[in-house]
PDB file of N, CA and C in Angstrom:
ATOM      1  N   MET A   1      14.089  31.241   4.515  1.00  0.00           N
ATOM      2  CA  MET A   1      14.835  30.269   5.174  1.00  0.00           C
ATOM      3  C   MET A   1      14.333  28.682   4.695  1.00  0.00           C
ATOM      4  N   LYS A   2      15.509  28.395   4.750  1.00  0.00           N
ATOM      5  CA  LYS A   2      15.353  26.632   4.612  1.00  0.00           C
ATOM      6  C   LYS A   2      15.368  26.244   5.783  1.00  0.00           C
ATOM      7  N   ILE A   3      14.662  24.342   5.861  1.00  0.00           N
ATOM      8  CA  ILE A   3      15.020  23.973   6.445  1.00  0.00           C
ATOM      9  C   ILE A   3      15.956  22.464   6.332  1.00  0.00           C
ATOM     10  N   GLU A   4      16.678  21.939   7.163  1.00  0.00           N
ATOM     11  CA  GLU A   4      17.370  20.685   6.418  1.00  0.00           C
ATOM     12  C   GLU A   4      16.893  19.799   7.278  1.00  0.00           C
ATOM     13  N   LEU A   5      16.462  18.703   6.943  1.00  0.00           N
ATOM     14  CA  LEU A   5      16.376  17.314   7.808  1.00  0.00           C
ATOM     15  C   LEU A   5      17.331  16.397   7.038  1.00  0.00           C
ATOM     16  N   LYS A   6      17.882  15.476   8.204  1.00  0.00           N
ATOM     17  CA  LYS A   6      18.853  14.561   7.778  1.00  0.00           C
ATOM     18  C   LYS A   6      18.124  13.001   7.790  1.00  0.00           C
ATOM     19  N   ILE A   7      17.958  12.681   6.878  1.00  0.00           N
ATOM     20  CA  ILE A   7      17.155  11.270   6.676  1.00  0.00           C
ATOM     21  C   ILE A   7      18.110  10.326   5.852  1.00  0.00           C
ATOM     22  N   ASN A   8      17.910   9.375   6.410  1.00  0.00           N
ATOM     23  CA  ASN A   8      18.150   7.679   5.217  1.00  0.00           C
ATOM     24  C   ASN A   8      17.140   7.695   4.103  1.00  0.00           C
ATOM     25  N   ARG A   9      17.634   6.478   3.255  1.00  0.00           N
ATOM     26  CA  ARG A   9      16.408   6.224   2.248  1.00  0.00           C
ATOM     27  C   ARG A   9      15.114   5.531   3.095  1.00  0.00           C
ATOM     28  N   ASP A  10      15.579   4.639   4.013  1.00  0.00           N
ATOM     29  CA  ASP A  10      14.467   4.489   4.535  1.00  0.00           C
ATOM     30  C   ASP A  10      13.185   4.888   5.342  1.00  0.00           C
ATOM     31  N   GLN A  11      14.166   6.068   6.151  1.00  0.00           N
ATOM     32  CA  GLN A  11      12.903   7.011   6.403  1.00  0.00           C
ATOM     33  C   GLN A  11      12.529   7.623   5.287  1.00  0.00           C
ATOM     34  N   LEU A  12      12.866   8.190   4.215  1.00  0.00           N
ATOM     35  CA  LEU A  12      12.222   8.768   3.334  1.00  0.00           C
ATOM     36  C   LEU A  12      11.065   7.955   2.916  1.00  0.00           C
ATOM     37  N   ASN A  13      10.913   6.521   2.749  1.00  0.00           N
ATOM     38  CA  ASN A  13      10.088   6.033   2.015  1.00  0.00           C
ATOM     39  C   ASN A  13       8.951   5.386   3.756  1.00  0.00           C
ATOM     40  N   ALA A  14       9.355   5.607   4.584  1.00  0.00           N
ATOM     41  CA  ALA A  14       7.810   6.096   5.601  1.00  0.00           C
ATOM     42  C   ALA A  14       7.228   7.229   5.358  1.00  0.00           C
ATOM     43  N   ILE A  15       8.003   8.029   5.115  1.00  0.00           N
ATOM     44  CA  ILE A  15       7.385   9.546   5.103  1.00  0.00           C
ATOM     45  C   ILE A  15       6.451   9.561   4.167  1.00  0.00           C
ATOM     46  N   ASN A  16       6.748   8.905   3.225  1.00  0.00           N
ATOM     47  CA  ASN A  16       6.271   8.880   1.794  1.00  0.00           C
ATOM     48  C   ASN A  16       4.451   7.662   1.582  1.00  0.00           C
ATOM     49  N   THR A  17       4.898   6.098   2.803  1.00  0.00           N
ATOM     50  CA  THR A  17       4.048   6.268   3.425  1.00  0.00           C
ATOM     51  C   THR A  17       3.037   6.295   3.965  1.00  0.00           C
ATOM     52  N   ILE A  18       2.994   7.305   4.728  1.00  0.00           N
ATOM     53  CA  ILE A  18       2.585   8.156   5.721  1.00  0.00           C
ATOM     54  C   ILE A  18       1.845   8.910   4.744  1.00  0.00           C
ATOM     55  N   MET A  19       2.602  10.059   4.231  1.00  0.00           N
ATOM     56  CA  MET A  19       1.695  10.792   3.311  1.00  0.00           C
ATOM     57  C   MET A  19       0.558  10.340   2.133  1.00  0.00           C
ATOM     58  N   ALA A  20       0.880   8.930   1.457  1.00  0.00           N
ATOM     59  CA  ALA A  20      -0.087   8.521   0.738  1.00  0.00           C
ATOM     60  C   ALA A  20      -1.485   8.792   0.766  1.00  0.00           C
ATOM     61  N   PRO A  21      -2.080   9.016   1.773  1.00  0.00           N
ATOM     62  CA  PRO A  21      -3.045   9.005   1.825  1.00  0.00           C
ATOM     63  C   PRO A  21      -3.924  10.248   1.266  1.00  0.00           C
ATOM     64  N   LEU A  22      -2.769  11.215   1.031  1.00  0.00           N
ATOM     65  CA  LEU A  22      -3.205  12.341   0.124  1.00  0.00           C
ATOM     66  C   LEU A  22      -3.747  12.634  -1.486  1.00  0.00           C
ATOM     67  N   ASP A  23      -3.055  11.221  -1.803  1.00  0.00           N
ATOM     68  CA  ASP A  23      -3.508  11.018  -2.878  1.00  0.00           C
ATOM     69  C   ASP A  23      -4.992  10.432  -3.881  1.00  0.00           C
ATOM     70  N   VAL A  24      -5.856  10.471  -2.571  1.00  0.00           N
ATOM     71  CA  VAL A  24      -7.065  10.294  -2.630  1.00  0.00           C
ATOM     72  C   VAL A  24      -8.273  11.087  -2.317  1.00  0.00           C
ATOM     73  N   ILE A  25      -7.852  12.522  -1.019  1.00  0.00           N
ATOM     74  CA  ILE A  25      -8.136  13.471  -1.075  1.00  0.00           C
ATOM     75  C   ILE A  25      -8.967  14.083  -2.244  1.00  0.00           C
ATOM     76  N   ASN A  26      -9.948  14.165  -2.408  1.00  0.00           N
ATOM     77  CA  ASN A  26     -10.509  15.330  -3.663  1.00  0.00           C
ATOM     78  C   ASN A  26     -10.183  16.927  -3.088  1.00  0.00           C
ATOM     79  N   PHE A  27      -9.709  17.505  -3.621  1.00  0.00           N
ATOM     80  CA  PHE A  27      -8.950  18.759  -3.159  1.00  0.00           C
ATOM     81  C   PHE A  27     -10.885  19.504  -3.306  1.00  0.00           C
ATOM     82  N   GLN A  28     -11.544  19.735  -4.412  1.00  0.00           N
ATOM     83  CA  GLN A  28     -12.861  20.473  -4.739  1.00  0.00           C
ATOM     84  C   GLN A  28     -13.983  20.138  -3.963  1.00  0.00           C
ATOM     85  N   SER A  29     -13.652  19.260  -2.689  1.00  0.00           N
ATOM     86  CA  SER A  29     -14.945  19.123  -2.200  1.00  0.00           C
ATOM     87  C   SER A  29     -14.287  19.748  -0.314  1.00  0.00           C
ATOM     88  N   LEU A  30     -13.373  20.312  -0.113  1.00  0.00           N
ATOM     89  CA  LEU A  30     -12.791  20.693   1.255  1.00  0.00           C
ATOM     90  C   LEU A  30     -12.925  22.722   1.045  1.00  0.00           C
ATOM     91  N   PRO A  31     -13.618  22.785   2.381  1.00  0.00           N
ATOM     92  CA  PRO A  31     -13.545  24.595   2.095  1.00  0.00           C
ATOM     93  C   PRO A  31     -12.191  24.799   2.232  1.00  0.00           C
ATOM     94  N   ARG A  32     -12.547  26.826   1.677  1.00  0.00           N
ATOM     95  CA  ARG A  32     -11.627  26.933   1.565  1.00  0.00           C
ATOM     96  C   ARG A  32     -10.319  27.179   2.189  1.00  0.00           C
ATOM     97  N   SER A  33     -10.452  27.219   3.745  1.00  0.00           N
ATOM     98  CA  SER A  33      -9.576  27.458   4.862  1.00  0.00           C
ATOM     99  C   SER A  33      -8.524  25.598   4.203  1.00  0.00           C
ATOM    100  N   GLY A  34      -9.077  24.615   4.318  1.00  0.00           N
ATOM    101  CA  GLY A  34      -8.688  23.799   3.606  1.00  0.00           C
ATOM    102  C   GLY A  34      -7.544  23.203   2.846  1.00  0.00           C
ATOM    103  N   LYS A  35      -7.885  23.996   2.074  1.00  0.00           N
ATOM    104  CA  LYS A  35      -7.170  24.008   0.781  1.00  0.00           C
ATOM    105  C   LYS A  35      -5.703  24.074   0.977  1.00  0.00           C
ATOM    106  N   SER A  36      -5.813  25.362   1.071  1.00  0.00           N
ATOM    107  CA  SER A  36      -4.061  25.887   1.375  1.00  0.00           C
ATOM    108  C   SER A  36      -3.256  24.781   1.645  1.00  0.00           C
ATOM    109  N   ASN A  37      -4.094  24.043   3.377  1.00  0.00           N
ATOM    110  CA  ASN A  37      -3.089  23.431   4.252  1.00  0.00           C
ATOM    111  C   ASN A  37      -2.860  22.191   3.121  1.00  0.00           C
ATOM    112  N   LEU A  38      -4.038  21.873   2.001  1.00  0.00           N
ATOM    113  CA  LEU A  38      -3.695  20.106   1.607  1.00  0.00           C
ATOM    114  C   LEU A  38      -3.164  20.714   0.394  1.00  0.00           C
ATOM    115  N   ALA A  39      -3.131  21.967  -0.418  1.00  0.00           N
ATOM    116  CA  ALA A  39      -1.952  22.477  -1.124  1.00  0.00           C
ATOM    117  C   ALA A  39      -0.060  22.100  -0.593  1.00  0.00           C
ATOM    118  N   ALA A  40      -0.374  22.791   0.404  1.00  0.00           N
ATOM    119  CA  ALA A  40       1.089  22.539   0.866  1.00  0.00           C
ATOM    120  C   ALA A  40       1.973  21.236   1.135  1.00  0.00           C
ATOM    121  N   CYS A  41       0.550  20.626   1.967  1.00  0.00           N
ATOM    122  CA  CYS A  41       1.265  18.630   1.531  1.00  0.00           C
ATOM    123  C   CYS A  41       1.473  18.454   0.799  1.00  0.00           C
ATOM    124  N   VAL A  42       0.397  18.553  -0.277  1.00  0.00           N
ATOM    125  CA  VAL A  42       0.543  18.344  -1.597  1.00  0.00           C
ATOM    126  C   VAL A  42       1.998  18.147  -2.583  1.00  0.00           C
ATOM    127  N   GLU A  43       2.346  19.447  -2.175  1.00  0.00           N
ATOM    128  CA  GLU A  43       3.371  19.595  -2.779  1.00  0.00           C
ATOM    129  C   GLU A  43       4.607  19.339  -2.065  1.00  0.00           C
ATOM    130  N   LEU A  44       4.332  18.787  -0.736  1.00  0.00           N
ATOM    131  CA  LEU A  44       5.338  18.231   0.006  1.00  0.00           C
ATOM    132  C   LEU A  44       5.891  16.480  -0.466  1.00  0.00           C
ATOM    133  N   ARG A  45       4.507  16.180  -0.208  1.00  0.00           N
ATOM    134  CA  ARG A  45       4.584  15.195  -1.476  1.00  0.00           C
ATOM    135  C   ARG A  45       5.194  14.613  -2.328  1.00  0.00           C
ATOM    136  N   HIS A  46       5.029  15.813  -3.524  1.00  0.00           N
ATOM    137  CA  HIS A  46       5.731  15.657  -4.561  1.00  0.00           C
ATOM    138  C   HIS A  46       7.041  15.382  -4.550  1.00  0.00           C
ATOM    139  N   LYS A  47       7.973  16.263  -4.062  1.00  0.00           N
ATOM    140  CA  LYS A  47       8.842  16.563  -3.202  1.00  0.00           C
ATOM    141  C   LYS A  47       9.389  15.327  -2.760  1.00  0.00           C
ATOM    142  N   PHE A  48       8.953  14.867  -1.974  1.00  0.00           N
ATOM    143  CA  PHE A  48       9.635  13.688  -1.460  1.00  0.00           C
ATOM    144  C   PHE A  48       9.524  12.533  -2.231  1.00  0.00           C
ATOM    145  N   LEU A  49       8.686  12.082  -3.310  1.00  0.00           N
ATOM    146  CA  LEU A  49       8.197  11.295  -4.425  1.00  0.00           C
ATOM    147  C   LEU A  49       9.534  11.029  -5.265  1.00  0.00           C
ATOM    148  N   GLN A  50       9.537  12.755  -5.399  1.00  0.00           N
ATOM    149  CA  GLN A  50      10.443  12.775  -6.308  1.00  0.00           C
ATOM    150  C   GLN A  50      12.373  12.962  -5.628  1.00  0.00           C
ATOM    151  N   LYS A  51      12.725  13.238  -4.499  1.00  0.00           N
ATOM    152  CA  LYS A  51      13.777  12.525  -4.169  1.00  0.00           C
ATOM    153  C   LYS A  51      13.954  11.266  -3.731  1.00  0.00           C
ATOM    154  N   SER A  52      12.515  10.632  -3.417  1.00  0.00           N
ATOM    155  CA  SER A  52      12.642   9.119  -3.609  1.00  0.00           C
ATOM    156  C   SER A  52      13.303   8.419  -4.405  1.00  0.00           C
ATOM    157  N   ILE A  53      12.485   8.834  -5.736  1.00  0.00           N
ATOM    158  CA  ILE A  53      13.298   8.398  -6.696  1.00  0.00           C
ATOM    159  C   ILE A  53      14.649   8.638  -7.082  1.00  0.00           C
ATOM    160  N   LYS A  54      15.162   9.457  -6.906  1.00  0.00           N
ATOM    161  CA  LYS A  54      16.786   9.678  -7.231  1.00  0.00           C
ATOM    162  C   LYS A  54      17.769   9.344  -6.015  1.00  0.00           C
ATOM    163  N   GLN A  55      17.084   9.079  -4.871  1.00  0.00           N
ATOM    164  CA  GLN A  55      17.978   8.079  -3.601  1.00  0.00           C
ATOM    165  C   GLN A  55      17.313   6.714  -3.675  1.00  0.00           C
ATOM    166  N   GLN A  56      16.869   6.569  -4.331  1.00  0.00           N
ATOM    167  CA  GLN A  56      17.059   4.793  -4.404  1.00  0.00           C
ATOM    168  C   GLN A  56      17.511   4.034  -4.486  1.00  0.00           C
ATOM    169  N   HIS A  57      19.323   3.929  -4.814  1.00  0.00           N
ATOM    170  CA  HIS A  57      19.626   3.626  -4.636  1.00  0.00           C
ATOM    171  C   HIS A  57      21.050   4.274  -3.695  1.00  0.00           C
ATOM    172  N   ASN A  58      20.458   4.963  -2.718  1.00  0.00           N
ATOM    173  CA  ASN A  58      21.731   5.771  -1.996  1.00  0.00           C
ATOM    174  C   ASN A  58      21.602   4.924  -0.698  1.00  0.00           C
ATOM    175  N   HIS A  59      22.346   4.297  -0.088  1.00  0.00           N
ATOM    176  CA  HIS A  59      21.964   4.148   1.309  1.00  0.00           C
ATOM    177  C   HIS A  59      22.612   4.242   2.094  1.00  0.00           C
ATOM    178  N   LYS A  60      22.919   5.815   1.769  1.00  0.00           N
ATOM    179  CA  LYS A  60      23.714   6.394   3.223  1.00  0.00           C
ATOM    180  C   LYS A  60      22.566   7.692   3.530  1.00  0.00           C
ATOM    181  N   PRO A  61      22.652   8.420   4.650  1.00  0.00           N
ATOM    182  CA  PRO A  61      21.676   9.309   4.909  1.00  0.00           C
ATOM    183  C   PRO A  61      22.546  10.687   4.366  1.00  0.00           C
ATOM    184  N   PHE A  62      21.121  11.686   3.870  1.00  0.00           N
ATOM    185  CA  PHE A  62      21.124  12.228   2.892  1.00  0.00           C
ATOM    186  C   PHE A  62      20.335  13.348   3.523  1.00  0.00           C
ATOM    187  N   LYS A  63      21.033  15.240   3.047  1.00  0.00           N
ATOM    188  CA  LYS A  63      19.793  15.958   3.511  1.00  0.00           C
ATOM    189  C   LYS A  63      18.968  15.978   2.848  1.00  0.00           C
ATOM    190  N   ILE A  64      17.640  16.616   3.263  1.00  0.00           N
ATOM    191  CA  ILE A  64      16.915  17.514   2.015  1.00  0.00           C
ATOM    192  C   ILE A  64      16.330  18.400   3.323  1.00  0.00           C
ATOM    193  N   SER A  65      16.474  19.655   1.794  1.00  0.00           N
ATOM    194  CA  SER A  65      15.949  21.021   2.248  1.00  0.00           C
ATOM    195  C   SER A  65      14.403  21.443   1.567  1.00  0.00           C
ATOM    196  N   ILE A  66      13.576  21.780   3.151  1.00  0.00           N
ATOM    197  CA  ILE A  66      12.553  22.539   2.578  1.00  0.00           C
ATOM    198  C   ILE A  66      12.537  23.730   3.141  1.00  0.00           C
ATOM    199  N   PRO A  67      11.262  24.807   2.114  1.00  0.00           N
ATOM    200  CA  PRO A  67      11.315  26.094   2.914  1.00  0.00           C
ATOM    201  C   PRO A  67      10.568  25.763   4.116  1.00  0.00           C
ATOM    202  N   TYR A  68      10.694  26.945   5.199  1.00  0.00           N
ATOM    203  CA  TYR A  68      10.140  26.752   6.756  1.00  0.00           C
ATOM    204  C   TYR A  68       8.917  26.938   6.779  1.00  0.00           C
ATOM    205  N   TYR A  69       8.134  27.128   5.617  1.00  0.00           N
ATOM    206  CA  TYR A  69       6.429  27.181   5.661  1.00  0.00           C
ATOM    207  C   TYR A  69       6.017  25.666   5.107  1.00  0.00           C
ATOM    208  N   LEU A  70       6.981  25.150   4.482  1.00  0.00           N
ATOM    209  CA  LEU A  70       5.951  24.014   4.026  1.00  0.00           C
ATOM    210  C   LEU A  70       6.746  22.655   5.258  1.00  0.00           C
ATOM    211  N   ALA A  71       8.017  22.961   6.200  1.00  0.00           N
ATOM    212  CA  ALA A  71       8.295  22.452   7.087  1.00  0.00           C
ATOM    213  C   ALA A  71       7.426  22.548   8.532  1.00  0.00           C
ATOM    214  N   GLU A  72       6.586  23.221   8.523  1.00  0.00           N
ATOM    215  CA  GLU A  72       5.591  23.580   9.505  1.00  0.00           C
ATOM    216  C   GLU A  72       4.188  22.654   8.985  1.00  0.00           C
ATOM    217  N   HIS A  73       3.953  22.674   7.868  1.00  0.00           N
ATOM    218  CA  HIS A  73       3.016  21.865   7.475  1.00  0.00           C
ATOM    219  C   HIS A  73       3.363  20.529   7.757  1.00  0.00           C
ATOM    220  N   LEU A  74       4.648  20.116   7.460  1.00  0.00           N
ATOM    221  CA  LEU A  74       5.447  18.358   7.557  1.00  0.00           C
ATOM    222  C   LEU A  74       5.404  18.121   8.832  1.00  0.00           C
ATOM    223  N   LEU A  75       5.452  18.881   9.938  1.00  0.00           N
ATOM    224  CA  LEU A  75       5.039  18.864  11.205  1.00  0.00           C
ATOM    225  C   LEU A  75       4.003  18.538  12.189  1.00  0.00           C
ATOM    226  N   HIS A  76       2.695  19.704  11.431  1.00  0.00           N
ATOM    227  CA  HIS A  76       1.588  19.678  11.778  1.00  0.00           C
ATOM    228  C   HIS A  76       1.160  18.011  11.280  1.00  0.00           C
ATOM    229  N   TYR A  77       0.818  17.817   9.866  1.00  0.00           N
ATOM    230  CA  TYR A  77       0.665  16.674   9.272  1.00  0.00           C
ATOM    231  C   TYR A  77       1.390  15.555   9.837  1.00  0.00           C
ATOM    232  N   LEU A  78       2.116  15.041  10.224  1.00  0.00           N
ATOM    233  CA  LEU A  78       2.905  13.728  10.384  1.00  0.00           C
ATOM    234  C   LEU A  78       2.702  14.042  12.248  1.00  0.00           C
ATOM    235  N   SER A  79       2.535  14.764  13.010  1.00  0.00           N
ATOM    236  CA  SER A  79       1.561  15.472  14.042  1.00  0.00           C
ATOM    237  C   SER A  79       0.641  14.619  14.509  1.00  0.00           C
ATOM    238  N   ASN A  80      -0.223  14.868  13.340  1.00  0.00           N
ATOM    239  CA  ASN A  80      -1.940  14.264  13.416  1.00  0.00           C
ATOM    240  C   ASN A  80      -2.514  13.116  12.381  1.00  0.00           C
ATOM    241  N   PHE A  81      -1.197  12.892  11.761  1.00  0.00           N
ATOM    242  CA  PHE A  81      -1.546  11.503  11.364  1.00  0.00           C
ATOM    243  C   PHE A  81      -2.627  10.543  12.211  1.00  0.00           C
ATOM    244  N   LYS A  82      -3.484  10.158  11.407  1.00  0.00           N
ATOM    245  CA  LYS A  82      -4.224   8.852  12.212  1.00  0.00           C
ATOM    246  C   LYS A  82      -4.478   7.618  11.439  1.00  0.00           C
ATOM    247  N   GLY A  83      -3.477   7.222  11.414  1.00  0.00           N
ATOM    248  CA  GLY A  83      -3.724   6.145  10.536  1.00  0.00           C
ATOM    249  C   GLY A  83      -2.697   4.814  11.202  1.00  0.00           C
ATOM    250  N   ASN A  84      -3.082   3.467  10.396  1.00  0.00           N
ATOM    251  CA  ASN A  84      -2.939   2.746  10.855  1.00  0.00           C
ATOM    252  C   ASN A  84      -1.206   2.336  10.328  1.00  0.00           C
ATOM    253  N   LEU A  85       0.375   2.301  10.980  1.00  0.00           N
ATOM    254  CA  LEU A  85       1.404   2.366  10.818  1.00  0.00           C
ATOM    255  C   LEU A  85       2.162   0.919  11.165  1.00  0.00           C
ATOM    256  N   SER A  86       2.537   0.766  10.289  1.00  0.00           N
ATOM    257  CA  SER A  86       3.729  -0.829  11.021  1.00  0.00           C
ATOM    258  C   SER A  86       4.516   0.384  12.291  1.00  0.00           C
ATOM    259  N   PRO A  87       5.509  -0.676  12.999  1.00  0.00           N
ATOM    260  CA  PRO A  87       6.174   0.000  13.760  1.00  0.00           C
ATOM    261  C   PRO A  87       7.298   0.701  13.477  1.00  0.00           C
ATOM    262  N   PHE A  88       7.899   0.317  12.208  1.00  0.00           N
ATOM    263  CA  PHE A  88       9.278   1.576  11.671  1.00  0.00           C
ATOM    264  C   PHE A  88       8.815   2.316  11.439  1.00  0.00           C
ATOM    265  N   ASP A  89       7.439   2.459  10.617  1.00  0.00           N
ATOM    266  CA  ASP A  89       7.257   4.060   9.818  1.00  0.00           C
ATOM    267  C   ASP A  89       6.426   4.581  11.023  1.00  0.00           C
ATOM    268  N   ALA A  90       5.975   4.017  11.559  1.00  0.00           N
ATOM    269  CA  ALA A  90       5.317   4.827  13.155  1.00  0.00           C
ATOM    270  C   ALA A  90       6.900   5.654  13.908  1.00  0.00           C
ATOM    271  N   ASN A  91       7.759   4.790  13.939  1.00  0.00           N
ATOM    272  CA  ASN A  91       8.868   5.135  14.627  1.00  0.00           C
ATOM    273  C   ASN A  91       9.772   6.292  13.941  1.00  0.00           C
ATOM    274  N   ALA A  92      10.116   5.776  12.639  1.00  0.00           N
ATOM    275  CA  ALA A  92      10.427   7.081  11.351  1.00  0.00           C
ATOM    276  C   ALA A  92      10.015   8.216  11.827  1.00  0.00           C
ATOM    277  N   GLY A  93       8.306   8.322  11.559  1.00  0.00           N
ATOM    278  CA  GLY A  93       7.520   9.545  11.518  1.00  0.00           C
ATOM    279  C   GLY A  93       8.098  10.322  12.856  1.00  0.00           C
ATOM    280  N   LEU A  94       7.771   9.854  14.317  1.00  0.00           N
ATOM    281  CA  LEU A  94       8.437  10.441  15.550  1.00  0.00           C
ATOM    282  C   LEU A  94      10.059  11.008  15.428  1.00  0.00           C
ATOM    283  N   ILE A  95      10.843  10.445  14.738  1.00  0.00           N
ATOM    284  CA  ILE A  95      12.000  10.631  14.653  1.00  0.00           C
ATOM    285  C   ILE A  95      12.273  12.060  13.689  1.00  0.00           C
ATOM    286  N   ILE A  96      11.610  11.941  12.762  1.00  0.00           N
ATOM    287  CA  ILE A  96      11.739  13.101  11.926  1.00  0.00           C
ATOM    288  C   ILE A  96      10.475  14.577  12.468  1.00  0.00           C
ATOM    289  N   ILE A  97       9.604  13.918  13.339  1.00  0.00           N
ATOM    290  CA  ILE A  97       9.051  15.240  14.401  1.00  0.00           C
ATOM    291  C   ILE A  97       9.405  15.575  15.068  1.00  0.00           C
ATOM    292  N   ASN A  98      10.968  14.586  15.285  1.00  0.00           N
ATOM    293  CA  ASN A  98      11.818  15.365  16.760  1.00  0.00           C
ATOM    294  C   ASN A  98      12.722  16.321  15.664  1.00  0.00           C
ATOM    295  N   GLN A  99      13.025  15.926  14.932  1.00  0.00           N
ATOM    296  CA  GLN A  99      13.861  16.632  14.415  1.00  0.00           C
ATOM    297  C   GLN A  99      13.510  18.007  13.501  1.00  0.00           C
ATOM    298  N   LEU A 100      12.411  17.854  13.347  1.00  0.00           N
ATOM    299  CA  LEU A 100      11.073  19.515  13.143  1.00  0.00           C
ATOM    300  C   LEU A 100      10.875  19.997  14.460  1.00  0.00           C
ATOM    301  N   HIS A 101      11.064  19.569  15.431  1.00  0.00           N
ATOM    302  CA  HIS A 101      10.701  20.758  16.421  1.00  0.00           C
ATOM    303  C   HIS A 101      11.942  20.911  17.158  1.00  0.00           C
ATOM    304  N   GLN A 102      13.005  19.913  16.808  1.00  0.00           N
ATOM    305  CA  GLN A 102      14.310  20.935  16.888  1.00  0.00           C
ATOM    306  C   GLN A 102      14.908  22.341  15.819  1.00  0.00           C
ATOM    307  N   LYS A 103      14.593  21.843  14.894  1.00  0.00           N
ATOM    308  CA  LYS A 103      14.935  22.734  13.208  1.00  0.00           C
ATOM    309  C   LYS A 103      13.885  24.367  13.893  1.00  0.00           C
ATOM    310  N   LEU A 104      12.631  23.850  14.103  1.00  0.00           N
ATOM    311  CA  LEU A 104      11.795  24.999  14.397  1.00  0.00           C
ATOM    312  C   LEU A 104      11.472  26.110  15.203  1.00  0.00           C
ATOM    313  N   LEU A 105      12.440  25.551  16.430  1.00  0.00           N
ATOM    314  CA  LEU A 105      12.448  26.498  17.256  1.00  0.00           C
ATOM    315  C   LEU A 105      13.056  28.355  17.118  1.00  0.00           C
TER     316      LEU A 105
END
C-alpha cells in the first residue's frame, strides 16, 4: 500500500533539512532494534534527496508516493525530532505530520 503526500519544493527542502542529522549517525554503534528504524529513515532520506534533485526547477506542488511502512517511520521521525529549526521548517514539518496523520488512519 502506498501513501501519497502532496508537497511543494520548499516543503521538500524543509524535510531534507529535518532529516539531515541522519547523515552523521554511526550505524554500527546502534543496538539491533535501532538499526531497522535507522535503515528505514535513511531510505526515506535518499528518496527525498533524489526527489529534491528532480524537482529543483518545479515550483508547483507535486505528489510523492512512499510505502505505508516508510510513512509510519517518517511520521515517527518528524514527530519526535528535537532539533533547532527555523520557523518555516518547523511549520512545514507540522504540515507533513498532519498529512501523514490523515493518510495513515
